[in-house]
Amino acid sequence: MNLNWAECTRISDRWIKDYLNHNEAHNEAKINVRSYSLKFSGTQYQIMGFVEGIVDYIKQFVFPPEDISRFEAEGIDVYRRAMQYFGDTNPENDGKYGELLLYLFTESVLKAPMIAHKMTLLTNTRDQVKGGDGIFFGEYNGSNSLFIGESKIELEATTAITHALGSIERFHSNLETTSQFRHELIIASQILRQDLTVEQLDYLYDSFTPKTETYKQNNLVHPILIIYEDQHISDIEVACKGHLDGESLLSKRMKKRIPELVKNIQSKLTDHPKVKTVFLDFFFLPTTSVKQLRHTMYQAIHGVAYTSPTSKA
């Protein structure tokens, strides 16, 4: 049965071509690593254009196609409604920015469509459905696979790797002893996109039922987004003579950095035996300041700079 999961994706790789460069990559066994960097603006590694570009996709991230069509038919501003999912929360500890970026990478690069949207279950816009940072389904290495994402935006890449692998290890360690994964599957089955074909929906319902043969045939993949600070970028900004020179120097930097991060992943997997049993697909993206990235995303979504409650008082 050809279920054409890739045809259900809503995000093309156009956003990557517009804002990012693909640098060093690595693949072995069940670990796949891809690295990206922002395109330079002159001699500067600016995030403003990148952020303004990706926030245009928040309505697809938050709502399934049928909800968007319904809102548009009712004259509701879909983008404004989608903003409610992000809420007026401190951008420095809000995980939804990473979820948005992971969604874009998973759909456009892995060709795995998001098949369950959390917003449809929310009664309070400040709450979030617990679980992975996005539930996707598609083909991976020739097999139908369930994708459960994990995103981390932190100062150090190695710290982000540690936290991501720890989260995934806890997730898998609980599979046999708690109902966490079963709960995740029940949630997904309740909020499946309704623009899928009957065959696709039937397949997904079976995929979320552990006793079925379909469930047993599917692989499990964890797309992992790591956004981190790299202070060497500031040195490149000073040294480069233009955008192409800056991007070339950063590409050389990434060619050296990614093998180091791969070794870091491999060393930490010895402490995470459950994680070694599934596929890991990493996306690395360096920035000059994770704080600036978070605050710029907040302002691009809400139209105003973030002000802490204490400052408002």
C-alpha atoms as a PDB file:
ATOM      1  CA  MET A   1       0.000   0.000   0.000  1.00  0.00           C
ATOM      2  CA  ASN A   2       1.429   3.371  -1.087  1.00  0.00           C
ATOM      3  CA  LEU A   3       0.222   5.893   1.488  1.00  0.00           C
ATOM      4  CA  ASN A   4       2.205   8.875   0.136  1.00  0.00           C
ATOM      5  CA  TRP A   5       3.020  10.463   3.494  1.00  0.00           C
ATOM      6  CA  ALA A   6       5.368  13.001   1.887  1.00  0.00           C
ATOM      7  CA  GLU A   7       2.465  14.404  -0.131  1.00  0.00           C
ATOM      8  CA  CYS A   8       0.745  15.347   3.143  1.00  0.00           C
ATOM      9  CA  THR A   9       3.513  17.699   4.259  1.00  0.00           C
ATOM     10  CA  ARG A  10       2.597  21.379   4.237  1.00  0.00           C
ATOM     11  CA  ILE A  11       6.089  22.856   4.516  1.00  0.00           C
ATOM     12  CA  SER A  12       8.461  22.752   1.546  1.00  0.00           C
ATOM     13  CA  ASP A  13      12.214  23.312   1.760  1.00  0.00           C
ATOM     14  CA  ARG A  14      11.812  26.804   0.340  1.00  0.00           C
ATOM     15  CA  TRP A  15      12.270  28.368   3.801  1.00  0.00           C
ATOM     16  CA  ILE A  16      15.625  26.586   4.141  1.00  0.00           C
ATOM     17  CA  LYS A  17      16.785  27.822   0.742  1.00  0.00           C
ATOM     18  CA  ASP A  18      15.747  31.359   1.680  1.00  0.00           C
ATOM     19  CA  TYR A  19      17.346  31.578   5.126  1.00  0.00           C
ATOM     20  CA  LEU A  20      19.793  28.731   5.777  1.00  0.00           C
ATOM     21  CA  ASN A  21      22.898  27.024   4.457  1.00  0.00           C
ATOM     22  CA  HIS A  22      23.297  23.254   4.823  1.00  0.00           C
ATOM     23  CA  ASN A  23      26.776  22.496   6.151  1.00  0.00           C
ATOM     24  CA  GLU A  24      28.448  19.392   7.556  1.00  0.00           C
ATOM     25  CA  ALA A  25      26.472  16.123   7.776  1.00  0.00           C
ATOM     26  CA  HIS A  26      27.129  12.739   9.372  1.00  0.00           C
ATOM     27  CA  ASN A  27      25.388   9.375   9.183  1.00  0.00           C
ATOM     28  CA  GLU A  28      26.088   6.056  10.848  1.00  0.00           C
ATOM     29  CA  ALA A  29      23.925   3.220  12.127  1.00  0.00           C
ATOM     30  CA  LYS A  30      20.935   4.873  13.843  1.00  0.00           C
ATOM     31  CA  ILE A  31      22.426   8.350  14.202  1.00  0.00           C
ATOM     32  CA  ASN A  32      21.944  10.986  11.528  1.00  0.00           C
ATOM     33  CA  VAL A  33      23.310  14.506  11.982  1.00  0.00           C
ATOM     34  CA  ARG A  34      22.604  17.564   9.830  1.00  0.00           C
ATOM     35  CA  SER A  35      23.943  21.043  10.463  1.00  0.00           C
ATOM     36  CA  TYR A  36      22.621  24.369   9.242  1.00  0.00           C
ATOM     37  CA  SER A  37      23.614  27.984   9.647  1.00  0.00           C
ATOM     38  CA  LEU A  38      21.942  31.298   8.898  1.00  0.00           C
ATOM     39  CA  LYS A  39      22.818  33.123   5.719  1.00  0.00           C
ATOM     40  CA  PHE A  40      24.912  36.206   6.368  1.00  0.00           C
ATOM     41  CA  SER A  41      23.581  39.719   5.791  1.00  0.00           C
ATOM     42  CA  GLY A  42      26.682  41.508   4.602  1.00  0.00           C
ATOM     43  CA  THR A  43      29.320  40.750   7.213  1.00  0.00           C
ATOM     44  CA  GLN A  44      26.772  40.014   9.952  1.00  0.00           C
ATOM     45  CA  TYR A  45      25.108  36.813  11.116  1.00  0.00           C
ATOM     46  CA  GLN A  46      21.668  38.358  11.653  1.00  0.00           C
ATOM     47  CA  ILE A  47      18.617  36.486  12.897  1.00  0.00           C
ATOM     48  CA  MET A  48      15.926  39.102  12.250  1.00  0.00           C
ATOM     49  CA  GLY A  49      15.049  38.097   8.679  1.00  0.00           C
ATOM     50  CA  PHE A  50      15.194  34.415   9.595  1.00  0.00           C
ATOM     51  CA  VAL A  51      12.808  34.852  12.523  1.00  0.00           C
ATOM     52  CA  GLU A  52      10.370  37.022  10.578  1.00  0.00           C
ATOM     53  CA  GLY A  53      10.316  34.356   7.868  1.00  0.00           C
ATOM     54  CA  ILE A  54       9.640  31.352  10.083  1.00  0.00           C
ATOM     55  CA  VAL A  55       6.884  32.953  12.163  1.00  0.00           C
ATOM     56  CA  ASP A  56       4.834  33.130   8.963  1.00  0.00           C
ATOM     57  CA  TYR A  57       4.343  29.371   9.403  1.00  0.00           C
ATOM     58  CA  ILE A  58       2.839  29.396  12.880  1.00  0.00           C
ATOM     59  CA  LYS A  59      -0.731  28.930  11.663  1.00  0.00           C
ATOM     60  CA  GLN A  60       0.250  25.650   9.947  1.00  0.00           C
ATOM     61  CA  PHE A  61       2.177  24.619  13.062  1.00  0.00           C
ATOM     62  CA  VAL A  62      -0.704  25.270  15.440  1.00  0.00           C
ATOM     63  CA  PHE A  63      -3.744  24.238  13.383  1.00  0.00           C
ATOM     64  CA  PRO A  64      -4.562  21.324  11.050  1.00  0.00           C
ATOM     65  CA  PRO A  65      -5.775  22.213   7.533  1.00  0.00           C
ATOM     66  CA  GLU A  66      -9.460  21.689   8.341  1.00  0.00           C
ATOM     67  CA  ASP A  67      -9.355  24.220  11.201  1.00  0.00           C
ATOM     68  CA  ILE A  68      -7.630  26.808   9.031  1.00  0.00           C
ATOM     69  CA  SER A  69     -10.261  26.372   6.319  1.00  0.00           C
ATOM     70  CA  ARG A  70     -13.058  26.711   8.899  1.00  0.00           C
ATOM     71  CA  PHE A  71     -11.569  29.847  10.451  1.00  0.00           C
ATOM     72  CA  GLU A  72     -11.075  31.456   7.059  1.00  0.00           C
ATOM     73  CA  ALA A  73     -14.677  30.643   6.061  1.00  0.00           C
ATOM     74  CA  GLU A  74     -15.872  32.284   9.293  1.00  0.00           C
ATOM     75  CA  GLY A  75     -13.746  35.382   8.710  1.00  0.00           C
ATOM     76  CA  ILE A  76     -11.455  34.644  11.675  1.00  0.00           C
ATOM     77  CA  ASP A  77      -7.857  35.871  11.531  1.00  0.00           C
ATOM     78  CA  VAL A  78      -6.020  32.527  11.650  1.00  0.00           C
ATOM     79  CA  TYR A  79      -2.628  34.020  12.429  1.00  0.00           C
ATOM     80  CA  ARG A  80      -4.030  36.004  15.351  1.00  0.00           C
ATOM     81  CA  ARG A  81      -5.773  32.896  16.690  1.00  0.00           C
ATOM     82  CA  ALA A  82      -2.561  30.887  16.337  1.00  0.00           C
ATOM     83  CA  MET A  83      -0.676  33.483  18.379  1.00  0.00           C
ATOM     84  CA  GLN A  84      -2.772  32.471  21.409  1.00  0.00           C
ATOM     85  CA  TYR A  85      -0.889  29.175  21.537  1.00  0.00           C
ATOM     86  CA  PHE A  86       2.339  31.037  22.293  1.00  0.00           C
ATOM     87  CA  GLY A  87       0.806  33.289  24.953  1.00  0.00           C
ATOM     88  CA  ASP A  88       2.456  36.065  26.930  1.00  0.00           C
ATOM     89  CA  THR A  89       5.086  33.847  28.527  1.00  0.00           C
ATOM     90  CA  ASN A  90       8.759  34.549  29.253  1.00  0.00           C
ATOM     91  CA  PRO A  91      10.571  33.766  25.979  1.00  0.00           C
ATOM     92  CA  GLU A  92      13.705  32.702  27.844  1.00  0.00           C
ATOM     93  CA  ASN A  93      12.078  29.484  29.070  1.00  0.00           C
ATOM     94  CA  ASP A  94       9.359  28.892  26.474  1.00  0.00           C
ATOM     95  CA  GLY A  95       9.806  25.617  24.608  1.00  0.00           C
ATOM     96  CA  LYS A  96       7.317  26.392  21.852  1.00  0.00           C
ATOM     97  CA  TYR A  97       9.854  28.299  19.757  1.00  0.00           C
ATOM     98  CA  GLY A  98      11.932  25.146  19.451  1.00  0.00           C
ATOM     99  CA  GLU A  99       8.821  23.135  18.633  1.00  0.00           C
ATOM    100  CA  LEU A 100       7.997  25.488  15.746  1.00  0.00           C
ATOM    101  CA  LEU A 101      11.467  25.145  14.242  1.00  0.00           C
ATOM    102  CA  LEU A 102      11.488  21.385  14.718  1.00  0.00           C
ATOM    103  CA  TYR A 103       8.149  21.207  12.894  1.00  0.00           C
ATOM    104  CA  LEU A 104       9.621  23.067   9.927  1.00  0.00           C
ATOM    105  CA  PHE A 105      12.695  20.823   9.752  1.00  0.00           C
ATOM    106  CA  THR A 106      10.772  17.558  10.162  1.00  0.00           C
ATOM    107  CA  GLU A 107       8.232  18.327   7.465  1.00  0.00           C
ATOM    108  CA  SER A 108      10.581  19.903   4.939  1.00  0.00           C
ATOM    109  CA  VAL A 109      13.695  17.737   5.384  1.00  0.00           C
ATOM    110  CA  LEU A 110      12.392  14.394   6.655  1.00  0.00           C
ATOM    111  CA  LYS A 111       9.177  14.679   4.589  1.00  0.00           C
ATOM    112  CA  ALA A 112       7.154  13.480   7.573  1.00  0.00           C
ATOM    113  CA  PRO A 113       3.886  15.405   8.048  1.00  0.00           C
ATOM    114  CA  MET A 114       2.674  16.487  11.463  1.00  0.00           C
ATOM    115  CA  ILE A 115      -0.436  14.367  11.919  1.00  0.00           C
ATOM    116  CA  ALA A 116      -1.577  15.605  15.347  1.00  0.00           C
ATOM    117  CA  HIS A 117      -1.847  19.255  16.405  1.00  0.00           C
ATOM    118  CA  LYS A 118      -1.833  19.993  20.138  1.00  0.00           C
ATOM    119  CA  MET A 119      -3.832  23.219  19.953  1.00  0.00           C
ATOM    120  CA  THR A 120      -7.053  21.359  19.139  1.00  0.00           C
ATOM    121  CA  LEU A 121      -7.087  19.835  22.638  1.00  0.00           C
ATOM    122  CA  LEU A 122      -6.382  22.990  24.620  1.00  0.00           C
ATOM    123  CA  THR A 123      -9.074  24.579  26.782  1.00  0.00           C
ATOM    124  CA  ASN A 124      -6.627  27.009  28.355  1.00  0.00           C
ATOM    125  CA  THR A 125      -4.173  28.644  25.950  1.00  0.00           C
ATOM    126  CA  ARG A 126      -1.491  28.693  28.659  1.00  0.00           C
ATOM    127  CA  ASP A 127      -1.554  24.901  28.943  1.00  0.00           C
ATOM    128  CA  GLN A 128       0.268  22.479  26.704  1.00  0.00           C
ATOM    129  CA  VAL A 129      -0.424  18.846  25.997  1.00  0.00           C
ATOM    130  CA  LYS A 130       2.414  16.940  27.571  1.00  0.00           C
ATOM    131  CA  GLY A 131       4.661  14.676  25.545  1.00  0.00           C
ATOM    132  CA  GLY A 132       6.962  15.000  22.559  1.00  0.00           C
ATOM    133  CA  ASP A 133       7.579  18.230  20.686  1.00  0.00           C
ATOM    134  CA  GLY A 134       5.397  17.227  17.763  1.00  0.00           C
ATOM    135  CA  ILE A 135       3.939  13.940  16.482  1.00  0.00           C
ATOM    136  CA  PHE A 136       4.721  13.104  12.872  1.00  0.00           C
ATOM    137  CA  PHE A 137       4.388  10.102  10.595  1.00  0.00           C
ATOM    138  CA  GLY A 138       6.222   9.189   7.416  1.00  0.00           C
ATOM    139  CA  GLU A 139       8.777   6.981   5.731  1.00  0.00           C
ATOM    140  CA  TYR A 140      12.291   6.761   7.138  1.00  0.00           C
ATOM    141  CA  ASN A 141      14.999   4.533   5.663  1.00  0.00           C
ATOM    142  CA  GLY A 142      12.344   2.719   3.662  1.00  0.00           C
ATOM    143  CA  SER A 143      10.029   1.941   6.598  1.00  0.00           C
ATOM    144  CA  ASN A 144       6.862   3.611   7.855  1.00  0.00           C
ATOM    145  CA  SER A 145       7.812   5.390  11.051  1.00  0.00           C
ATOM    146  CA  LEU A 146       6.368   7.372  13.929  1.00  0.00           C
ATOM    147  CA  PHE A 147       8.354  10.540  14.651  1.00  0.00           C
ATOM    148  CA  ILE A 148       8.312  12.068  18.135  1.00  0.00           C
ATOM    149  CA  GLY A 149      10.386  15.221  18.311  1.00  0.00           C
ATOM    150  CA  GLU A 150      12.608  16.814  20.922  1.00  0.00           C
ATOM    151  CA  SER A 151      13.887  20.399  20.761  1.00  0.00           C
ATOM    152  CA  LYS A 152      16.432  22.208  22.914  1.00  0.00           C
ATOM    153  CA  ILE A 153      17.602  25.828  22.770  1.00  0.00           C
ATOM    154  CA  GLU A 154      20.528  26.240  25.159  1.00  0.00           C
ATOM    155  CA  LEU A 155      23.853  28.030  25.579  1.00  0.00           C
ATOM    156  CA  GLU A 156      26.017  24.939  25.115  1.00  0.00           C
ATOM    157  CA  ALA A 157      25.458  22.347  22.390  1.00  0.00           C
ATOM    158  CA  THR A 158      26.804  19.554  24.597  1.00  0.00           C
ATOM    159  CA  THR A 159      24.415  20.509  27.417  1.00  0.00           C
ATOM    160  CA  ALA A 160      21.499  20.532  24.977  1.00  0.00           C
ATOM    161  CA  ILE A 161      22.506  17.070  23.740  1.00  0.00           C
ATOM    162  CA  THR A 162      22.619  15.795  27.326  1.00  0.00           C
ATOM    163  CA  HIS A 163      19.148  17.141  28.105  1.00  0.00           C
ATOM    164  CA  ALA A 164      17.649  15.878  24.838  1.00  0.00           C
ATOM    165  CA  LEU A 165      19.016  12.351  25.248  1.00  0.00           C
ATOM    166  CA  GLY A 166      17.943  12.339  28.890  1.00  0.00           C
ATOM    167  CA  SER A 167      14.378  13.259  27.947  1.00  0.00           C
ATOM    168  CA  ILE A 168      14.243  10.540  25.311  1.00  0.00           C
ATOM    169  CA  GLU A 169      15.743   7.960  27.677  1.00  0.00           C
ATOM    170  CA  ARG A 170      13.116   8.738  30.318  1.00  0.00           C
ATOM    171  CA  PHE A 171      10.428   8.468  27.683  1.00  0.00           C
ATOM    172  CA  HIS A 172      11.565   4.984  26.633  1.00  0.00           C
ATOM    173  CA  SER A 173      12.361   3.777  30.144  1.00  0.00           C
ATOM    174  CA  ASN A 174       8.749   4.449  31.094  1.00  0.00           C
ATOM    175  CA  LEU A 175       7.220   2.567  28.175  1.00  0.00           C
ATOM    176  CA  GLU A 176       6.983  -0.745  29.967  1.00  0.00           C
ATOM    177  CA  THR A 177       6.148   0.596  33.417  1.00  0.00           C
ATOM    178  CA  THR A 178       3.756   3.488  32.868  1.00  0.00           C
ATOM    179  CA  SER A 179       1.008   4.521  30.507  1.00  0.00           C
ATOM    180  CA  GLN A 180       2.935   7.560  29.223  1.00  0.00           C
ATOM    181  CA  PHE A 181       3.469   6.320  25.669  1.00  0.00           C
ATOM    182  CA  ARG A 182      -0.012   4.832  25.484  1.00  0.00           C
ATOM    183  CA  HIS A 183      -1.375   8.187  26.619  1.00  0.00           C
ATOM    184  CA  GLU A 184       0.661   9.891  23.883  1.00  0.00           C
ATOM    185  CA  LEU A 185      -0.835   7.562  21.284  1.00  0.00           C
ATOM    186  CA  ILE A 186      -4.380   8.096  22.577  1.00  0.00           C
ATOM    187  CA  ILE A 187      -3.897  11.858  22.342  1.00  0.00           C
ATOM    188  CA  ALA A 188      -2.596  11.528  18.802  1.00  0.00           C
ATOM    189  CA  SER A 189      -5.512   9.351  17.709  1.00  0.00           C
ATOM    190  CA  GLN A 190      -7.960  11.945  19.051  1.00  0.00           C
ATOM    191  CA  ILE A 191      -6.502  14.866  17.135  1.00  0.00           C
ATOM    192  CA  LEU A 192      -5.484  13.370  13.796  1.00  0.00           C
ATOM    193  CA  ARG A 193      -5.656  15.650  10.803  1.00  0.00           C
ATOM    194  CA  GLN A 194      -8.917  15.101   8.987  1.00  0.00           C
ATOM    195  CA  ASP A 195      -7.611  15.946   5.503  1.00  0.00           C
ATOM    196  CA  LEU A 196      -5.884  12.556   5.328  1.00  0.00           C
ATOM    197  CA  THR A 197      -7.292   9.758   3.186  1.00  0.00           C
ATOM    198  CA  VAL A 198      -9.402   6.999   4.687  1.00  0.00           C
ATOM    199  CA  GLU A 199      -6.531   4.579   4.093  1.00  0.00           C
ATOM    200  CA  GLN A 200      -4.072   6.846   5.867  1.00  0.00           C
ATOM    201  CA  LEU A 201      -6.373   7.378   8.847  1.00  0.00           C
ATOM    202  CA  ASP A 202      -7.037   3.640   9.169  1.00  0.00           C
ATOM    203  CA  TYR A 203      -3.303   2.979   9.037  1.00  0.00           C
ATOM    204  CA  LEU A 204      -2.615   5.588  11.732  1.00  0.00           C
ATOM    205  CA  TYR A 205      -5.327   4.263  14.038  1.00  0.00           C
ATOM    206  CA  ASP A 206      -3.736   0.812  13.760  1.00  0.00           C
ATOM    207  CA  SER A 207      -0.297   2.358  14.253  1.00  0.00           C
ATOM    208  CA  PHE A 208      -1.457   3.784  17.579  1.00  0.00           C
ATOM    209  CA  THR A 209      -2.768   0.432  18.815  1.00  0.00           C
ATOM    210  CA  PRO A 210       0.136  -1.637  20.254  1.00  0.00           C
ATOM    211  CA  LYS A 211      -1.553  -5.011  19.750  1.00  0.00           C
ATOM    212  CA  THR A 212      -1.784  -4.637  15.945  1.00  0.00           C
ATOM    213  CA  GLU A 213       0.693  -5.907  13.374  1.00  0.00           C
ATOM    214  CA  THR A 214       0.825  -2.429  11.863  1.00  0.00           C
ATOM    215  CA  TYR A 215       2.078  -0.975  15.137  1.00  0.00           C
ATOM    216  CA  LYS A 216       4.786  -3.647  15.334  1.00  0.00           C
ATOM    217  CA  GLN A 217       5.980  -2.997  11.778  1.00  0.00           C
ATOM    218  CA  ASN A 218       6.600   0.717  12.273  1.00  0.00           C
ATOM    219  CA  ASN A 219       9.912   2.171  13.408  1.00  0.00           C
ATOM    220  CA  LEU A 220      10.307   4.966  15.942  1.00  0.00           C
ATOM    221  CA  VAL A 221      12.371   8.042  15.053  1.00  0.00           C
ATOM    222  CA  HIS A 222      13.280  11.018  17.215  1.00  0.00           C
ATOM    223  CA  PRO A 223      14.011  14.221  15.298  1.00  0.00           C
ATOM    224  CA  ILE A 224      16.130  16.364  17.642  1.00  0.00           C
ATOM    225  CA  LEU A 225      16.702  20.080  17.173  1.00  0.00           C
ATOM    226  CA  ILE A 226      19.694  21.621  18.940  1.00  0.00           C
ATOM    227  CA  ILE A 227      20.050  25.412  18.807  1.00  0.00           C
ATOM    228  CA  TYR A 228      23.129  26.656  20.637  1.00  0.00           C
ATOM    229  CA  GLU A 229      25.533  29.583  20.967  1.00  0.00           C
ATOM    230  CA  ASP A 230      28.821  29.612  19.096  1.00  0.00           C
ATOM    231  CA  GLN A 231      31.024  32.541  20.075  1.00  0.00           C
ATOM    232  CA  HIS A 232      33.325  31.869  17.110  1.00  0.00           C
ATOM    233  CA  ILE A 233      30.639  33.385  14.870  1.00  0.00           C
ATOM    234  CA  SER A 234      31.444  36.817  16.288  1.00  0.00           C
ATOM    235  CA  ASP A 235      35.080  36.332  15.246  1.00  0.00           C
ATOM    236  CA  ILE A 236      33.941  35.367  11.756  1.00  0.00           C
ATOM    237  CA  GLU A 237      31.813  38.522  11.536  1.00  0.00           C
ATOM    238  CA  VAL A 238      34.913  40.589  12.315  1.00  0.00           C
ATOM    239  CA  ALA A 239      37.162  38.688   9.906  1.00  0.00           C
ATOM    240  CA  CYS A 240      34.910  38.271   6.861  1.00  0.00           C
ATOM    241  CA  LYS A 241      34.757  40.686   3.916  1.00  0.00           C
ATOM    242  CA  GLY A 242      31.206  39.951   2.800  1.00  0.00           C
ATOM    243  CA  HIS A 243      28.324  37.471   3.055  1.00  0.00           C
ATOM    244  CA  LEU A 244      29.902  34.753   0.910  1.00  0.00           C
ATOM    245  CA  ASP A 245      33.186  34.998   2.796  1.00  0.00           C
ATOM    246  CA  GLY A 246      31.372  34.826   6.126  1.00  0.00           C
ATOM    247  CA  GLU A 247      29.359  31.790   5.073  1.00  0.00           C
ATOM    248  CA  SER A 248      32.478  30.062   3.789  1.00  0.00           C
ATOM    249  CA  LEU A 249      34.328  30.643   7.055  1.00  0.00           C
ATOM    250  CA  LEU A 250      31.365  29.408   9.080  1.00  0.00           C
ATOM    251  CA  SER A 251      31.074  26.326   6.873  1.00  0.00           C
ATOM    252  CA  LYS A 252      34.707  25.517   7.685  1.00  0.00           C
ATOM    253  CA  ARG A 253      33.925  26.048  11.361  1.00  0.00           C
ATOM    254  CA  MET A 254      30.958  23.648  11.171  1.00  0.00           C
ATOM    255  CA  LYS A 255      33.069  21.045   9.361  1.00  0.00           C
ATOM    256  CA  LYS A 256      35.305  20.970  12.435  1.00  0.00           C
ATOM    257  CA  ARG A 257      32.549  21.322  15.039  1.00  0.00           C
ATOM    258  CA  ILE A 258      30.070  18.665  13.912  1.00  0.00           C
ATOM    259  CA  PRO A 259      32.469  15.662  14.227  1.00  0.00           C
ATOM    260  CA  GLU A 260      33.149  16.837  17.792  1.00  0.00           C
ATOM    261  CA  LEU A 261      29.418  16.913  18.538  1.00  0.00           C
ATOM    262  CA  VAL A 262      28.931  13.478  16.971  1.00  0.00           C
ATOM    263  CA  LYS A 263      31.579  12.077  19.307  1.00  0.00           C
ATOM    264  CA  ASN A 264      29.780  13.767  22.189  1.00  0.00           C
ATOM    265  CA  ILE A 265      26.520  12.074  21.201  1.00  0.00           C
ATOM    266  CA  GLN A 266      28.199   8.692  20.897  1.00  0.00           C
ATOM    267  CA  SER A 267      29.883   8.993  24.287  1.00  0.00           C
ATOM    268  CA  LYS A 268      26.622   9.920  26.005  1.00  0.00           C
ATOM    269  CA  LEU A 269      24.667   7.080  24.441  1.00  0.00           C
ATOM    270  CA  THR A 270      26.567   4.638  26.639  1.00  0.00           C
ATOM    271  CA  ASP A 271      24.486   6.019  29.520  1.00  0.00           C
ATOM    272  CA  HIS A 272      21.243   5.781  27.540  1.00  0.00           C
ATOM    273  CA  PRO A 273      20.753   2.149  26.454  1.00  0.00           C
ATOM    274  CA  LYS A 274      17.106   2.642  25.490  1.00  0.00           C
ATOM    275  CA  VAL A 275      17.916   5.549  23.188  1.00  0.00           C
ATOM    276  CA  LYS A 276      20.400   3.393  21.257  1.00  0.00           C
ATOM    277  CA  THR A 277      17.548   1.142  20.116  1.00  0.00           C
ATOM    278  CA  VAL A 278      15.759   3.827  18.047  1.00  0.00           C
ATOM    279  CA  PHE A 279      16.681   6.232  15.250  1.00  0.00           C
ATOM    280  CA  LEU A 280      17.990   9.699  16.127  1.00  0.00           C
ATOM    281  CA  ASP A 281      17.984  12.484  13.544  1.00  0.00           C
ATOM    282  CA  PHE A 282      19.753  15.624  14.783  1.00  0.00           C
ATOM    283  CA  PHE A 283      19.453  19.147  13.413  1.00  0.00           C
ATOM    284  CA  PHE A 284      22.120  21.568  14.684  1.00  0.00           C
ATOM    285  CA  LEU A 285      21.768  25.328  14.278  1.00  0.00           C
ATOM    286  CA  PRO A 286      24.263  27.764  15.881  1.00  0.00           C
ATOM    287  CA  THR A 287      23.431  31.324  16.886  1.00  0.00           C
ATOM    288  CA  THR A 288      25.351  34.172  18.481  1.00  0.00           C
ATOM    289  CA  SER A 289      22.846  34.542  21.346  1.00  0.00           C
ATOM    290  CA  VAL A 290      20.019  32.196  22.312  1.00  0.00           C
ATOM    291  CA  LYS A 291      18.559  34.962  24.486  1.00  0.00           C
ATOM    292  CA  GLN A 292      18.411  37.316  21.529  1.00  0.00           C
ATOM    293  CA  LEU A 293      16.896  34.581  19.353  1.00  0.00           C
ATOM    294  CA  ARG A 294      14.148  33.906  21.877  1.00  0.00           C
ATOM    295  CA  HIS A 295      13.329  37.591  22.400  1.00  0.00           C
ATOM    296  CA  THR A 296      13.355  38.295  18.666  1.00  0.00           C
ATOM    297  CA  MET A 297      10.915  35.430  18.099  1.00  0.00           C
ATOM    298  CA  TYR A 298       8.647  36.752  20.839  1.00  0.00           C
ATOM    299  CA  GLN A 299       8.612  40.225  19.297  1.00  0.00           C
ATOM    300  CA  ALA A 300       8.046  38.898  15.771  1.00  0.00           C
ATOM    301  CA  ILE A 301       5.021  36.867  16.953  1.00  0.00           C
ATOM    302  CA  HIS A 302       3.458  39.403  19.323  1.00  0.00           C
ATOM    303  CA  GLY A 303       4.509  42.648  17.672  1.00  0.00           C
ATOM    304  CA  VAL A 304       5.976  44.044  20.899  1.00  0.00           C
ATOM    305  CA  ALA A 305       9.080  43.421  22.949  1.00  0.00           C
ATOM    306  CA  TYR A 306       8.706  41.140  25.984  1.00  0.00           C
ATOM    307  CA  THR A 307       8.249  42.924  29.293  1.00  0.00           C
ATOM    308  CA  SER A 308       8.567  40.902  32.486  1.00  0.00           C
ATOM    309  CA  PRO A 309       5.723  41.081  35.053  1.00  0.00           C
ATOM    310  CA  THR A 310       8.014  42.879  37.500  1.00  0.00           C
ATOM    311  CA  SER A 311       8.827  45.500  34.882  1.00  0.00           C
ATOM    312  CA  LYS A 312       5.117  45.974  34.121  1.00  0.00           C
ATOM    313  CA  ALA A 313       4.452  46.572  37.804  1.00  0.00           C
END
